[in-house]
Amino acid sequence: MAERTTQSWTTAPHFFVSRDVDCTELVAARKRFGPEVERARGVKLTFTDLITAVVAQTLRKHPRMNASWTGDTIKANSEVNVGLAMAVTDAVVVGVIPRTDGMGLGDIAARRRDLTERARANKLQPADITGATFTISNLGMYNVDSFTAIIVPPQAGILAVGAMKDRLVPVMGGIATKPIMTITLSCDHRVLDGARGAAFMHELVEALQNPAL
């Protein structure tokens, strides 16, 4: 892990894009779809599951964000395979959800739980941690407001997700309390320019704020 992160940080020209997300509808979506997922699959729907589903659909619309750097050229990936960063003993691994954009919420939740349980038991197989085309790192459960993550090569981007917290925000000339989450996108400048990264983030935020669509 030390070798890979050092290589990524010292060779990939990172740039970062951050946005605050109004999670009012994301909270509502979890309440709406959670009971159905739990009845059908026996697993509790998490915000990570919802974010993963939305990210996968947005990646399908932005294939350059789903691409890889091969060392001298950009490789387009035909599949959207979202990886989830998971802490294990003295390390971090990326568990992969294959063909994420074609999966339902229940399937994503079940796969995420399976990966998490086997990661904690040190029972992940090589196939579980290879093939990701984009990674999500969620530290919200540790009460982290925001952070920047190092890209996992050869991927072109990684999304850092902070904690969802109630904040005072201006609405219609007044002030309201809403659940807000800060997300930060790290991009490889060899694959993406600032405009492409910003366009992806804009559509991702719009989708997170209207997840039912």
N, C-alpha and C. Protein backbone atom coordinates (compact mmCIF):
# COMPACT_ATOMS: atom_id res chain seq x y z
N MET A 1 0.82 -1.19 0.00
CA MET A 1 0.00 0.00 0.00
C MET A 1 0.87 1.25 0.00
N ALA A 2 1.95 1.23 0.77
CA ALA A 2 2.85 2.37 0.84
C ALA A 2 3.47 2.66 -0.54
N GLU A 3 3.87 1.59 -1.23
CA GLU A 3 4.48 1.76 -2.55
C GLU A 3 3.48 2.34 -3.56
N ARG A 4 2.25 1.82 -3.52
CA ARG A 4 1.24 2.26 -4.50
C ARG A 4 0.83 3.71 -4.26
N THR A 5 0.63 4.09 -2.99
CA THR A 5 0.22 5.47 -2.72
C THR A 5 1.35 6.45 -3.02
N THR A 6 2.57 6.06 -2.72
CA THR A 6 3.72 6.92 -3.03
C THR A 6 3.86 7.10 -4.53
N GLN A 7 3.73 6.00 -5.27
CA GLN A 7 3.81 6.08 -6.72
C GLN A 7 2.72 6.98 -7.29
N SER A 8 1.50 6.82 -6.79
CA SER A 8 0.39 7.61 -7.29
C SER A 8 0.60 9.09 -7.00
N TRP A 9 0.99 9.41 -5.75
CA TRP A 9 1.12 10.81 -5.35
C TRP A 9 2.28 11.52 -6.06
N THR A 10 3.33 10.77 -6.35
CA THR A 10 4.52 11.38 -6.95
C THR A 10 4.54 11.35 -8.48
N THR A 11 3.67 10.55 -9.08
CA THR A 11 3.67 10.45 -10.55
C THR A 11 2.39 10.97 -11.19
N ALA A 12 1.26 10.83 -10.51
CA ALA A 12 0.00 11.30 -11.09
C ALA A 12 -0.24 12.76 -10.70
N PRO A 13 -0.39 13.64 -11.68
CA PRO A 13 -0.68 15.05 -11.37
C PRO A 13 -2.12 15.21 -10.89
N HIS A 14 -2.30 15.26 -9.58
CA HIS A 14 -3.64 15.35 -8.99
C HIS A 14 -4.19 16.77 -9.09
N PHE A 15 -5.50 16.87 -9.29
CA PHE A 15 -6.19 18.12 -8.99
C PHE A 15 -7.51 17.77 -8.32
N PHE A 16 -8.09 18.73 -7.59
CA PHE A 16 -9.22 18.43 -6.71
C PHE A 16 -10.38 19.38 -6.96
N VAL A 17 -11.59 18.83 -6.88
CA VAL A 17 -12.82 19.61 -7.03
C VAL A 17 -13.74 19.24 -5.86
N SER A 18 -14.21 20.25 -5.12
CA SER A 18 -15.07 19.99 -3.96
C SER A 18 -16.43 20.65 -4.13
N ARG A 19 -17.45 19.97 -3.58
CA ARG A 19 -18.82 20.52 -3.60
C ARG A 19 -19.53 20.13 -2.33
N ASP A 20 -20.43 21.01 -1.88
CA ASP A 20 -21.35 20.67 -0.79
C ASP A 20 -22.63 20.12 -1.41
N VAL A 21 -23.19 19.09 -0.79
CA VAL A 21 -24.38 18.43 -1.32
C VAL A 21 -25.52 18.54 -0.31
N ASP A 22 -26.67 19.02 -0.75
CA ASP A 22 -27.87 19.03 0.06
C ASP A 22 -28.43 17.60 0.05
N CYS A 23 -28.39 16.93 1.20
CA CYS A 23 -28.75 15.51 1.26
C CYS A 23 -30.19 15.26 1.70
N THR A 24 -31.04 16.28 1.62
CA THR A 24 -32.43 16.13 2.04
C THR A 24 -33.11 14.97 1.32
N GLU A 25 -32.96 14.93 -0.01
CA GLU A 25 -33.61 13.87 -0.79
C GLU A 25 -32.89 12.54 -0.66
N LEU A 26 -31.58 12.58 -0.38
CA LEU A 26 -30.84 11.34 -0.17
C LEU A 26 -31.32 10.65 1.11
N VAL A 27 -31.56 11.44 2.16
CA VAL A 27 -32.12 10.90 3.40
C VAL A 27 -33.50 10.32 3.15
N ALA A 28 -34.31 11.04 2.36
CA ALA A 28 -35.66 10.56 2.06
C ALA A 28 -35.61 9.27 1.24
N ALA A 29 -34.66 9.17 0.32
CA ALA A 29 -34.53 7.97 -0.51
C ALA A 29 -34.16 6.76 0.34
N ARG A 30 -33.30 6.96 1.32
CA ARG A 30 -32.93 5.83 2.19
C ARG A 30 -34.15 5.35 2.98
N LYS A 31 -34.96 6.28 3.46
CA LYS A 31 -36.16 5.90 4.20
C LYS A 31 -37.17 5.22 3.28
N ARG A 32 -37.22 5.65 2.03
CA ARG A 32 -38.18 5.10 1.08
C ARG A 32 -37.79 3.70 0.61
N PHE A 33 -36.53 3.53 0.23
CA PHE A 33 -36.09 2.26 -0.35
C PHE A 33 -35.51 1.28 0.67
N GLY A 34 -35.11 1.78 1.84
CA GLY A 34 -34.46 0.94 2.84
C GLY A 34 -35.28 -0.26 3.28
N PRO A 35 -36.55 -0.08 3.68
CA PRO A 35 -37.35 -1.22 4.13
C PRO A 35 -37.50 -2.30 3.06
N GLU A 36 -37.67 -1.89 1.81
CA GLU A 36 -37.83 -2.86 0.72
C GLU A 36 -36.55 -3.67 0.52
N VAL A 37 -35.41 -2.99 0.57
CA VAL A 37 -34.12 -3.67 0.40
C VAL A 37 -33.89 -4.64 1.56
N GLU A 38 -34.24 -4.22 2.78
CA GLU A 38 -34.01 -5.08 3.94
C GLU A 38 -34.90 -6.31 3.89
N ARG A 39 -36.16 -6.15 3.42
CA ARG A 39 -37.05 -7.30 3.32
C ARG A 39 -36.56 -8.28 2.24
N ALA A 40 -36.14 -7.73 1.11
CA ALA A 40 -35.77 -8.58 -0.02
C ALA A 40 -34.40 -9.22 0.14
N ARG A 41 -33.43 -8.48 0.70
CA ARG A 41 -32.05 -8.96 0.74
C ARG A 41 -31.49 -9.18 2.13
N GLY A 42 -32.25 -8.77 3.16
CA GLY A 42 -31.78 -8.97 4.53
C GLY A 42 -30.59 -8.11 4.90
N VAL A 43 -30.46 -6.96 4.27
CA VAL A 43 -29.33 -6.07 4.55
C VAL A 43 -29.85 -4.64 4.65
N LYS A 44 -29.28 -3.88 5.58
CA LYS A 44 -29.70 -2.49 5.74
C LYS A 44 -29.07 -1.62 4.65
N LEU A 45 -29.88 -0.80 4.05
CA LEU A 45 -29.41 0.12 3.02
C LEU A 45 -28.67 1.27 3.68
N THR A 46 -27.44 1.55 3.23
CA THR A 46 -26.64 2.63 3.79
C THR A 46 -26.54 3.79 2.79
N PHE A 47 -26.07 4.92 3.28
CA PHE A 47 -25.84 6.04 2.38
C PHE A 47 -24.74 5.71 1.38
N THR A 48 -23.76 4.90 1.80
CA THR A 48 -22.71 4.48 0.88
C THR A 48 -23.31 3.73 -0.30
N ASP A 49 -24.31 2.88 -0.05
CA ASP A 49 -24.97 2.14 -1.13
C ASP A 49 -25.64 3.10 -2.12
N LEU A 50 -26.34 4.08 -1.58
CA LEU A 50 -27.03 5.05 -2.44
C LEU A 50 -26.02 5.86 -3.25
N ILE A 51 -24.97 6.32 -2.58
CA ILE A 51 -23.94 7.11 -3.27
C ILE A 51 -23.28 6.27 -4.36
N THR A 52 -23.01 5.00 -4.06
CA THR A 52 -22.39 4.11 -5.04
C THR A 52 -23.26 3.97 -6.28
N ALA A 53 -24.55 3.79 -6.07
CA ALA A 53 -25.48 3.64 -7.21
C ALA A 53 -25.50 4.90 -8.06
N VAL A 54 -25.55 6.06 -7.41
CA VAL A 54 -25.60 7.33 -8.15
C VAL A 54 -24.29 7.58 -8.88
N VAL A 55 -23.17 7.30 -8.23
CA VAL A 55 -21.86 7.48 -8.86
C VAL A 55 -21.75 6.60 -10.11
N ALA A 56 -22.22 5.35 -10.01
CA ALA A 56 -22.12 4.42 -11.14
C ALA A 56 -22.90 4.94 -12.34
N GLN A 57 -24.09 5.44 -12.11
CA GLN A 57 -24.90 5.97 -13.22
C GLN A 57 -24.26 7.21 -13.83
N THR A 58 -23.66 8.04 -12.98
CA THR A 58 -23.00 9.25 -13.48
C THR A 58 -21.74 8.92 -14.26
N LEU A 59 -21.01 7.90 -13.83
CA LEU A 59 -19.82 7.47 -14.56
C LEU A 59 -20.18 6.99 -15.95
N ARG A 60 -21.31 6.33 -16.08
CA ARG A 60 -21.75 5.86 -17.41
C ARG A 60 -21.92 7.03 -18.36
N LYS A 61 -22.33 8.17 -17.84
CA LYS A 61 -22.53 9.36 -18.68
C LYS A 61 -21.24 10.13 -18.91
N HIS A 62 -20.21 9.83 -18.12
CA HIS A 62 -18.92 10.51 -18.24
C HIS A 62 -17.81 9.46 -18.37
N PRO A 63 -17.68 8.84 -19.54
CA PRO A 63 -16.73 7.74 -19.71
C PRO A 63 -15.28 8.12 -19.47
N ARG A 64 -14.91 9.39 -19.66
CA ARG A 64 -13.51 9.77 -19.41
C ARG A 64 -13.17 9.64 -17.92
N MET A 65 -14.14 9.91 -17.04
CA MET A 65 -13.90 9.75 -15.61
C MET A 65 -13.74 8.28 -15.25
N ASN A 66 -14.30 7.42 -16.06
CA ASN A 66 -14.24 5.98 -15.83
C ASN A 66 -13.04 5.34 -16.54
N ALA A 67 -12.20 6.16 -17.16
CA ALA A 67 -11.07 5.66 -17.94
C ALA A 67 -9.85 5.40 -17.06
N SER A 68 -8.79 4.87 -17.67
CA SER A 68 -7.55 4.56 -16.95
C SER A 68 -6.35 5.13 -17.70
N TRP A 69 -5.28 5.42 -16.95
CA TRP A 69 -4.01 5.85 -17.55
C TRP A 69 -3.08 4.65 -17.62
N THR A 70 -2.63 4.28 -18.81
CA THR A 70 -1.85 3.06 -19.00
C THR A 70 -0.34 3.30 -18.93
N GLY A 71 0.07 4.54 -18.82
CA GLY A 71 1.49 4.86 -18.81
C GLY A 71 1.89 5.75 -19.95
N ASP A 72 1.17 5.63 -21.07
CA ASP A 72 1.44 6.50 -22.21
C ASP A 72 0.19 6.87 -22.98
N THR A 73 -0.96 6.35 -22.55
CA THR A 73 -2.20 6.69 -23.25
C THR A 73 -3.40 6.47 -22.33
N ILE A 74 -4.55 6.95 -22.75
CA ILE A 74 -5.79 6.81 -21.99
C ILE A 74 -6.54 5.59 -22.49
N LYS A 75 -6.94 4.72 -21.57
CA LYS A 75 -7.69 3.52 -21.92
C LYS A 75 -9.14 3.69 -21.49
N ALA A 76 -10.07 3.55 -22.42
CA ALA A 76 -11.49 3.59 -22.10
C ALA A 76 -11.92 2.24 -21.53
N ASN A 77 -12.67 2.26 -20.45
CA ASN A 77 -13.15 1.02 -19.84
C ASN A 77 -14.62 0.82 -20.20
N SER A 78 -14.93 -0.35 -20.72
CA SER A 78 -16.30 -0.64 -21.15
C SER A 78 -17.22 -0.90 -19.97
N GLU A 79 -16.67 -1.34 -18.84
CA GLU A 79 -17.47 -1.63 -17.66
C GLU A 79 -17.28 -0.55 -16.60
N VAL A 80 -18.33 -0.30 -15.84
CA VAL A 80 -18.26 0.59 -14.69
C VAL A 80 -18.16 -0.28 -13.45
N ASN A 81 -16.98 -0.34 -12.86
CA ASN A 81 -16.73 -1.17 -11.67
C ASN A 81 -16.31 -0.25 -10.52
N VAL A 82 -17.24 0.08 -9.65
CA VAL A 82 -16.95 1.00 -8.56
C VAL A 82 -16.27 0.25 -7.42
N GLY A 83 -15.17 0.81 -6.92
CA GLY A 83 -14.46 0.24 -5.79
C GLY A 83 -14.77 1.03 -4.52
N LEU A 84 -14.83 0.34 -3.40
CA LEU A 84 -15.07 0.97 -2.10
C LEU A 84 -13.84 0.78 -1.22
N ALA A 85 -13.25 1.87 -0.78
CA ALA A 85 -12.08 1.79 0.10
C ALA A 85 -12.51 1.27 1.46
N MET A 86 -11.81 0.23 1.95
CA MET A 86 -12.16 -0.40 3.22
C MET A 86 -10.93 -0.56 4.09
N ALA A 87 -11.07 -0.24 5.36
CA ALA A 87 -9.95 -0.37 6.30
C ALA A 87 -9.88 -1.81 6.80
N VAL A 88 -8.69 -2.38 6.72
CA VAL A 88 -8.41 -3.68 7.31
C VAL A 88 -7.22 -3.49 8.24
N THR A 89 -6.75 -4.55 8.85
CA THR A 89 -5.64 -4.43 9.80
C THR A 89 -4.40 -3.83 9.14
N ASP A 90 -4.01 -2.64 9.60
CA ASP A 90 -2.79 -1.97 9.14
C ASP A 90 -2.78 -1.65 7.64
N ALA A 91 -3.95 -1.57 7.00
CA ALA A 91 -3.96 -1.29 5.57
C ALA A 91 -5.35 -0.84 5.13
N VAL A 92 -5.42 -0.45 3.88
CA VAL A 92 -6.70 -0.12 3.24
C VAL A 92 -6.76 -0.90 1.93
N VAL A 93 -7.88 -1.56 1.69
CA VAL A 93 -8.08 -2.28 0.44
C VAL A 93 -9.29 -1.70 -0.27
N VAL A 94 -9.38 -1.93 -1.57
CA VAL A 94 -10.52 -1.46 -2.35
C VAL A 94 -11.32 -2.67 -2.82
N GLY A 95 -12.49 -2.88 -2.20
CA GLY A 95 -13.38 -3.95 -2.62
C GLY A 95 -14.17 -3.49 -3.84
N VAL A 96 -14.31 -4.36 -4.82
CA VAL A 96 -14.90 -3.98 -6.10
C VAL A 96 -16.32 -4.52 -6.26
N ILE A 97 -17.20 -3.67 -6.78
CA ILE A 97 -18.57 -4.06 -7.13
C ILE A 97 -18.64 -4.10 -8.65
N PRO A 98 -18.51 -5.27 -9.27
CA PRO A 98 -18.45 -5.36 -10.74
C PRO A 98 -19.75 -4.91 -11.40
N ARG A 99 -19.60 -4.23 -12.54
CA ARG A 99 -20.74 -3.78 -13.35
C ARG A 99 -21.77 -3.06 -12.48
N THR A 100 -21.30 -2.12 -11.71
CA THR A 100 -22.14 -1.45 -10.72
C THR A 100 -23.33 -0.75 -11.34
N ASP A 101 -23.15 -0.20 -12.53
CA ASP A 101 -24.22 0.58 -13.16
C ASP A 101 -25.41 -0.28 -13.57
N GLY A 102 -25.23 -1.61 -13.61
CA GLY A 102 -26.33 -2.49 -13.97
C GLY A 102 -26.98 -3.16 -12.78
N MET A 103 -26.59 -2.79 -11.58
CA MET A 103 -27.10 -3.42 -10.36
C MET A 103 -28.16 -2.57 -9.67
N GLY A 104 -29.09 -3.25 -9.01
CA GLY A 104 -30.08 -2.57 -8.21
C GLY A 104 -29.53 -2.23 -6.84
N LEU A 105 -30.26 -1.43 -6.08
CA LEU A 105 -29.80 -1.03 -4.74
C LEU A 105 -29.59 -2.22 -3.83
N GLY A 106 -30.50 -3.20 -3.90
CA GLY A 106 -30.36 -4.38 -3.06
C GLY A 106 -29.11 -5.17 -3.37
N ASP A 107 -28.80 -5.31 -4.65
CA ASP A 107 -27.59 -6.04 -5.05
C ASP A 107 -26.34 -5.31 -4.59
N ILE A 108 -26.34 -3.98 -4.74
CA ILE A 108 -25.19 -3.20 -4.30
C ILE A 108 -25.00 -3.32 -2.79
N ALA A 109 -26.09 -3.21 -2.04
CA ALA A 109 -26.02 -3.31 -0.58
C ALA A 109 -25.51 -4.67 -0.14
N ALA A 110 -25.99 -5.74 -0.79
CA ALA A 110 -25.56 -7.09 -0.42
C ALA A 110 -24.09 -7.30 -0.74
N ARG A 111 -23.65 -6.81 -1.89
CA ARG A 111 -22.24 -6.95 -2.26
C ARG A 111 -21.35 -6.15 -1.32
N ARG A 112 -21.78 -4.94 -0.97
CA ARG A 112 -21.00 -4.10 -0.05
C ARG A 112 -20.86 -4.76 1.31
N ARG A 113 -21.96 -5.33 1.83
CA ARG A 113 -21.88 -6.01 3.12
C ARG A 113 -20.96 -7.23 3.05
N ASP A 114 -21.08 -8.01 1.98
CA ASP A 114 -20.24 -9.19 1.82
C ASP A 114 -18.76 -8.82 1.79
N LEU A 115 -18.43 -7.78 1.02
CA LEU A 115 -17.04 -7.34 0.93
C LEU A 115 -16.53 -6.84 2.28
N THR A 116 -17.38 -6.08 2.97
CA THR A 116 -16.98 -5.53 4.28
C THR A 116 -16.71 -6.64 5.28
N GLU A 117 -17.61 -7.61 5.35
CA GLU A 117 -17.45 -8.70 6.32
C GLU A 117 -16.20 -9.53 6.02
N ARG A 118 -15.96 -9.83 4.75
CA ARG A 118 -14.80 -10.64 4.41
C ARG A 118 -13.51 -9.84 4.53
N ALA A 119 -13.59 -8.51 4.33
CA ALA A 119 -12.40 -7.68 4.52
C ALA A 119 -11.99 -7.67 5.99
N ARG A 120 -12.96 -7.57 6.89
CA ARG A 120 -12.67 -7.56 8.32
C ARG A 120 -12.11 -8.90 8.79
N ALA A 121 -12.51 -9.97 8.09
CA ALA A 121 -12.03 -11.31 8.46
C ALA A 121 -10.80 -11.70 7.66
N ASN A 122 -10.26 -10.76 6.88
CA ASN A 122 -9.09 -11.03 6.03
C ASN A 122 -9.32 -12.22 5.09
N LYS A 123 -10.53 -12.26 4.51
CA LYS A 123 -10.87 -13.37 3.62
C LYS A 123 -11.18 -12.91 2.19
N LEU A 124 -10.75 -11.72 1.84
CA LEU A 124 -10.96 -11.24 0.48
C LEU A 124 -10.08 -12.02 -0.49
N GLN A 125 -10.63 -12.29 -1.67
CA GLN A 125 -9.90 -12.98 -2.72
C GLN A 125 -9.36 -11.95 -3.71
N PRO A 126 -8.34 -12.31 -4.52
CA PRO A 126 -7.80 -11.36 -5.51
C PRO A 126 -8.87 -10.76 -6.42
N ALA A 127 -9.86 -11.56 -6.80
CA ALA A 127 -10.92 -11.07 -7.68
C ALA A 127 -11.77 -9.99 -7.01
N ASP A 128 -11.78 -9.97 -5.67
CA ASP A 128 -12.57 -8.99 -4.93
C ASP A 128 -11.95 -7.60 -4.94
N ILE A 129 -10.65 -7.52 -5.23
CA ILE A 129 -9.94 -6.25 -5.09
C ILE A 129 -9.24 -5.82 -6.39
N THR A 130 -9.64 -6.41 -7.51
CA THR A 130 -9.05 -6.03 -8.80
C THR A 130 -10.15 -5.63 -9.78
N GLY A 131 -9.79 -4.75 -10.68
CA GLY A 131 -10.71 -4.37 -11.75
C GLY A 131 -11.53 -3.13 -11.52
N ALA A 132 -11.34 -2.42 -10.41
CA ALA A 132 -12.11 -1.19 -10.18
C ALA A 132 -11.72 -0.13 -11.19
N THR A 133 -12.70 0.62 -11.66
CA THR A 133 -12.45 1.72 -12.61
C THR A 133 -12.60 3.09 -11.95
N PHE A 134 -13.12 3.13 -10.72
CA PHE A 134 -13.29 4.37 -9.97
C PHE A 134 -13.50 3.96 -8.52
N THR A 135 -13.03 4.80 -7.59
CA THR A 135 -13.11 4.44 -6.17
C THR A 135 -13.84 5.50 -5.36
N ILE A 136 -14.58 5.03 -4.35
CA ILE A 136 -15.23 5.90 -3.37
C ILE A 136 -14.59 5.63 -2.01
N SER A 137 -14.18 6.69 -1.32
CA SER A 137 -13.65 6.57 0.03
C SER A 137 -14.54 7.39 0.95
N ASN A 138 -15.29 6.72 1.82
CA ASN A 138 -16.25 7.38 2.69
C ASN A 138 -15.74 7.34 4.13
N LEU A 139 -15.42 8.51 4.68
CA LEU A 139 -14.98 8.62 6.08
C LEU A 139 -16.02 9.33 6.93
N GLY A 140 -17.24 9.43 6.41
CA GLY A 140 -18.29 10.11 7.15
C GLY A 140 -18.59 9.47 8.49
N MET A 141 -18.46 8.13 8.56
CA MET A 141 -18.74 7.44 9.82
C MET A 141 -17.74 7.78 10.91
N TYR A 142 -16.61 8.39 10.53
CA TYR A 142 -15.60 8.82 11.50
C TYR A 142 -15.75 10.31 11.84
N ASN A 143 -16.86 10.89 11.41
CA ASN A 143 -17.18 12.30 11.71
C ASN A 143 -16.20 13.27 11.05
N VAL A 144 -15.62 12.85 9.93
CA VAL A 144 -14.71 13.71 9.17
C VAL A 144 -15.53 14.65 8.28
N ASP A 145 -15.27 15.94 8.38
CA ASP A 145 -16.03 16.90 7.58
C ASP A 145 -15.71 16.80 6.09
N SER A 146 -14.43 16.80 5.77
CA SER A 146 -14.01 16.70 4.37
C SER A 146 -12.54 16.29 4.32
N PHE A 147 -12.13 15.70 3.21
CA PHE A 147 -10.73 15.32 3.03
C PHE A 147 -10.48 15.11 1.55
N THR A 148 -9.21 14.97 1.19
CA THR A 148 -8.83 14.65 -0.18
C THR A 148 -8.18 13.27 -0.19
N ALA A 149 -8.47 12.49 -1.21
CA ALA A 149 -7.97 11.12 -1.30
C ALA A 149 -6.97 10.99 -2.45
N ILE A 150 -6.07 10.03 -2.32
CA ILE A 150 -5.06 9.76 -3.35
C ILE A 150 -5.64 8.77 -4.36
N ILE A 151 -5.47 9.07 -5.63
CA ILE A 151 -5.99 8.23 -6.71
C ILE A 151 -5.36 6.84 -6.65
N VAL A 152 -6.18 5.84 -6.94
CA VAL A 152 -5.70 4.45 -7.01
C VAL A 152 -5.36 4.13 -8.46
N PRO A 153 -4.08 4.06 -8.82
CA PRO A 153 -3.73 3.80 -10.21
C PRO A 153 -4.17 2.41 -10.65
N PRO A 154 -4.58 2.24 -11.91
CA PRO A 154 -4.52 3.22 -13.01
C PRO A 154 -5.79 4.05 -13.17
N GLN A 155 -6.63 4.09 -12.13
CA GLN A 155 -7.88 4.84 -12.21
C GLN A 155 -7.61 6.33 -12.41
N ALA A 156 -8.62 7.02 -12.94
CA ALA A 156 -8.48 8.45 -13.20
C ALA A 156 -9.05 9.31 -12.09
N GLY A 157 -9.81 8.70 -11.16
CA GLY A 157 -10.41 9.51 -10.12
C GLY A 157 -10.83 8.73 -8.90
N ILE A 158 -10.98 9.46 -7.79
CA ILE A 158 -11.48 8.88 -6.54
C ILE A 158 -12.32 9.94 -5.85
N LEU A 159 -13.43 9.52 -5.25
CA LEU A 159 -14.34 10.45 -4.58
C LEU A 159 -14.22 10.30 -3.08
N ALA A 160 -13.89 11.39 -2.38
CA ALA A 160 -13.79 11.41 -0.93
C ALA A 160 -15.10 11.96 -0.36
N VAL A 161 -15.73 11.19 0.52
CA VAL A 161 -17.04 11.56 1.06
C VAL A 161 -16.92 11.86 2.55
N GLY A 162 -17.34 13.05 2.93
CA GLY A 162 -17.30 13.45 4.34
C GLY A 162 -18.61 13.17 5.04
N ALA A 163 -18.68 13.57 6.30
CA ALA A 163 -19.85 13.30 7.14
C ALA A 163 -21.03 14.18 6.72
N MET A 164 -22.22 13.62 6.87
CA MET A 164 -23.45 14.38 6.64
C MET A 164 -23.83 15.05 7.96
N LYS A 165 -23.90 16.38 7.93
CA LYS A 165 -24.20 17.12 9.16
C LYS A 165 -25.23 18.21 8.88
N ASP A 166 -26.04 18.49 9.90
CA ASP A 166 -27.01 19.58 9.78
C ASP A 166 -26.29 20.92 9.78
N ARG A 167 -26.62 21.74 8.78
CA ARG A 167 -26.03 23.08 8.70
C ARG A 167 -27.13 24.10 8.40
N LEU A 168 -26.87 25.33 8.80
CA LEU A 168 -27.77 26.42 8.47
C LEU A 168 -27.43 26.90 7.06
N VAL A 169 -28.45 26.91 6.18
CA VAL A 169 -28.23 27.33 4.79
C VAL A 169 -29.31 28.33 4.41
N PRO A 170 -28.99 29.27 3.51
CA PRO A 170 -30.00 30.23 3.05
C PRO A 170 -30.99 29.57 2.10
N VAL A 171 -32.29 29.81 2.32
CA VAL A 171 -33.34 29.29 1.44
C VAL A 171 -34.43 30.35 1.29
N MET A 172 -34.72 30.71 0.05
CA MET A 172 -35.81 31.64 -0.26
C MET A 172 -35.76 32.89 0.61
N GLY A 173 -34.58 33.44 0.76
CA GLY A 173 -34.43 34.66 1.52
C GLY A 173 -34.38 34.45 3.03
N GLY A 174 -34.51 33.20 3.48
CA GLY A 174 -34.46 32.92 4.90
C GLY A 174 -33.32 31.95 5.21
N ILE A 175 -33.42 31.27 6.35
CA ILE A 175 -32.41 30.32 6.78
C ILE A 175 -33.10 29.02 7.21
N ALA A 176 -32.55 27.90 6.81
CA ALA A 176 -33.11 26.61 7.18
C ALA A 176 -31.97 25.67 7.57
N THR A 177 -32.32 24.62 8.30
CA THR A 177 -31.35 23.59 8.67
C THR A 177 -31.51 22.41 7.72
N LYS A 178 -30.41 22.03 7.06
CA LYS A 178 -30.45 20.92 6.12
C LYS A 178 -29.24 20.01 6.31
N PRO A 179 -29.41 18.72 6.00
CA PRO A 179 -28.26 17.81 6.07
C PRO A 179 -27.34 18.05 4.87
N ILE A 180 -26.11 18.44 5.16
CA ILE A 180 -25.15 18.78 4.11
C ILE A 180 -23.93 17.86 4.19
N MET A 181 -23.44 17.45 3.04
CA MET A 181 -22.27 16.58 2.97
C MET A 181 -21.28 17.18 1.97
N THR A 182 -20.01 17.18 2.33
CA THR A 182 -18.97 17.70 1.43
C THR A 182 -18.29 16.52 0.74
N ILE A 183 -18.23 16.59 -0.58
CA ILE A 183 -17.53 15.56 -1.35
C ILE A 183 -16.40 16.22 -2.13
N THR A 184 -15.29 15.51 -2.25
CA THR A 184 -14.12 16.03 -2.96
C THR A 184 -13.65 15.00 -3.99
N LEU A 185 -13.54 15.43 -5.22
CA LEU A 185 -13.11 14.56 -6.30
C LEU A 185 -11.64 14.80 -6.60
N SER A 186 -10.84 13.73 -6.56
CA SER A 186 -9.44 13.80 -6.98
C SER A 186 -9.35 13.26 -8.39
N CYS A 187 -8.68 13.99 -9.28
CA CYS A 187 -8.58 13.60 -10.69
C CYS A 187 -7.12 13.53 -11.14
N ASP A 188 -6.86 12.63 -12.08
CA ASP A 188 -5.56 12.53 -12.73
C ASP A 188 -5.58 13.47 -13.94
N HIS A 189 -4.74 14.50 -13.90
CA HIS A 189 -4.75 15.52 -14.95
C HIS A 189 -4.27 14.99 -16.30
N ARG A 190 -3.67 13.81 -16.31
CA ARG A 190 -3.26 13.21 -17.58
C ARG A 190 -4.46 12.65 -18.33
N VAL A 191 -5.55 12.39 -17.59
CA VAL A 191 -6.75 11.82 -18.19
C VAL A 191 -7.86 12.86 -18.31
N LEU A 192 -7.94 13.76 -17.34
CA LEU A 192 -9.03 14.73 -17.27
C LEU A 192 -8.49 16.13 -17.09
N ASP A 193 -9.20 17.09 -17.68
CA ASP A 193 -8.89 18.48 -17.39
C ASP A 193 -9.90 19.01 -16.37
N GLY A 194 -9.70 20.23 -15.94
CA GLY A 194 -10.57 20.79 -14.91
C GLY A 194 -12.02 20.86 -15.32
N ALA A 195 -12.27 21.20 -16.59
CA ALA A 195 -13.64 21.32 -17.06
C ALA A 195 -14.37 19.98 -17.02
N ARG A 196 -13.68 18.91 -17.42
CA ARG A 196 -14.30 17.58 -17.38
C ARG A 196 -14.59 17.15 -15.94
N GLY A 197 -13.64 17.40 -15.05
CA GLY A 197 -13.85 17.06 -13.66
C GLY A 197 -15.01 17.83 -13.05
N ALA A 198 -15.09 19.13 -13.38
CA ALA A 198 -16.17 19.96 -12.85
C ALA A 198 -17.52 19.53 -13.42
N ALA A 199 -17.55 19.15 -14.69
CA ALA A 199 -18.80 18.71 -15.32
C ALA A 199 -19.31 17.43 -14.67
N PHE A 200 -18.39 16.50 -14.39
CA PHE A 200 -18.77 15.28 -13.70
C PHE A 200 -19.33 15.59 -12.31
N MET A 201 -18.65 16.45 -11.58
CA MET A 201 -19.10 16.79 -10.23
C MET A 201 -20.45 17.48 -10.25
N HIS A 202 -20.67 18.35 -11.24
CA HIS A 202 -21.95 19.05 -11.34
C HIS A 202 -23.09 18.05 -11.51
N GLU A 203 -22.92 17.09 -12.43
CA GLU A 203 -23.99 16.12 -12.68
C GLU A 203 -24.14 15.16 -11.50
N LEU A 204 -23.01 14.83 -10.85
CA LEU A 204 -23.08 13.94 -9.68
C LEU A 204 -23.86 14.60 -8.55
N VAL A 205 -23.57 15.87 -8.28
CA VAL A 205 -24.28 16.57 -7.21
C VAL A 205 -25.77 16.68 -7.52
N GLU A 206 -26.09 17.00 -8.77
CA GLU A 206 -27.49 17.08 -9.17
C GLU A 206 -28.20 15.75 -8.94
N ALA A 207 -27.51 14.64 -9.26
CA ALA A 207 -28.10 13.32 -9.09
C ALA A 207 -28.23 12.95 -7.62
N LEU A 208 -27.23 13.30 -6.80
CA LEU A 208 -27.31 13.01 -5.37
C LEU A 208 -28.43 13.80 -4.71
N GLN A 209 -28.71 14.98 -5.24
CA GLN A 209 -29.78 15.80 -4.67
C GLN A 209 -31.15 15.42 -5.20
N ASN A 210 -31.18 14.52 -6.21
CA ASN A 210 -32.43 13.98 -6.75
C ASN A 210 -32.26 12.49 -7.01
N PRO A 211 -31.92 11.70 -5.99
CA PRO A 211 -31.56 10.29 -6.19
C PRO A 211 -32.70 9.43 -6.70
N ALA A 212 -33.93 9.78 -6.41
CA ALA A 212 -35.05 8.96 -6.85
C ALA A 212 -35.17 8.92 -8.37
N LEU A 213 -34.63 9.93 -9.04
CA LEU A 213 -34.69 9.99 -10.50
C LEU A 213 -33.68 9.04 -11.12
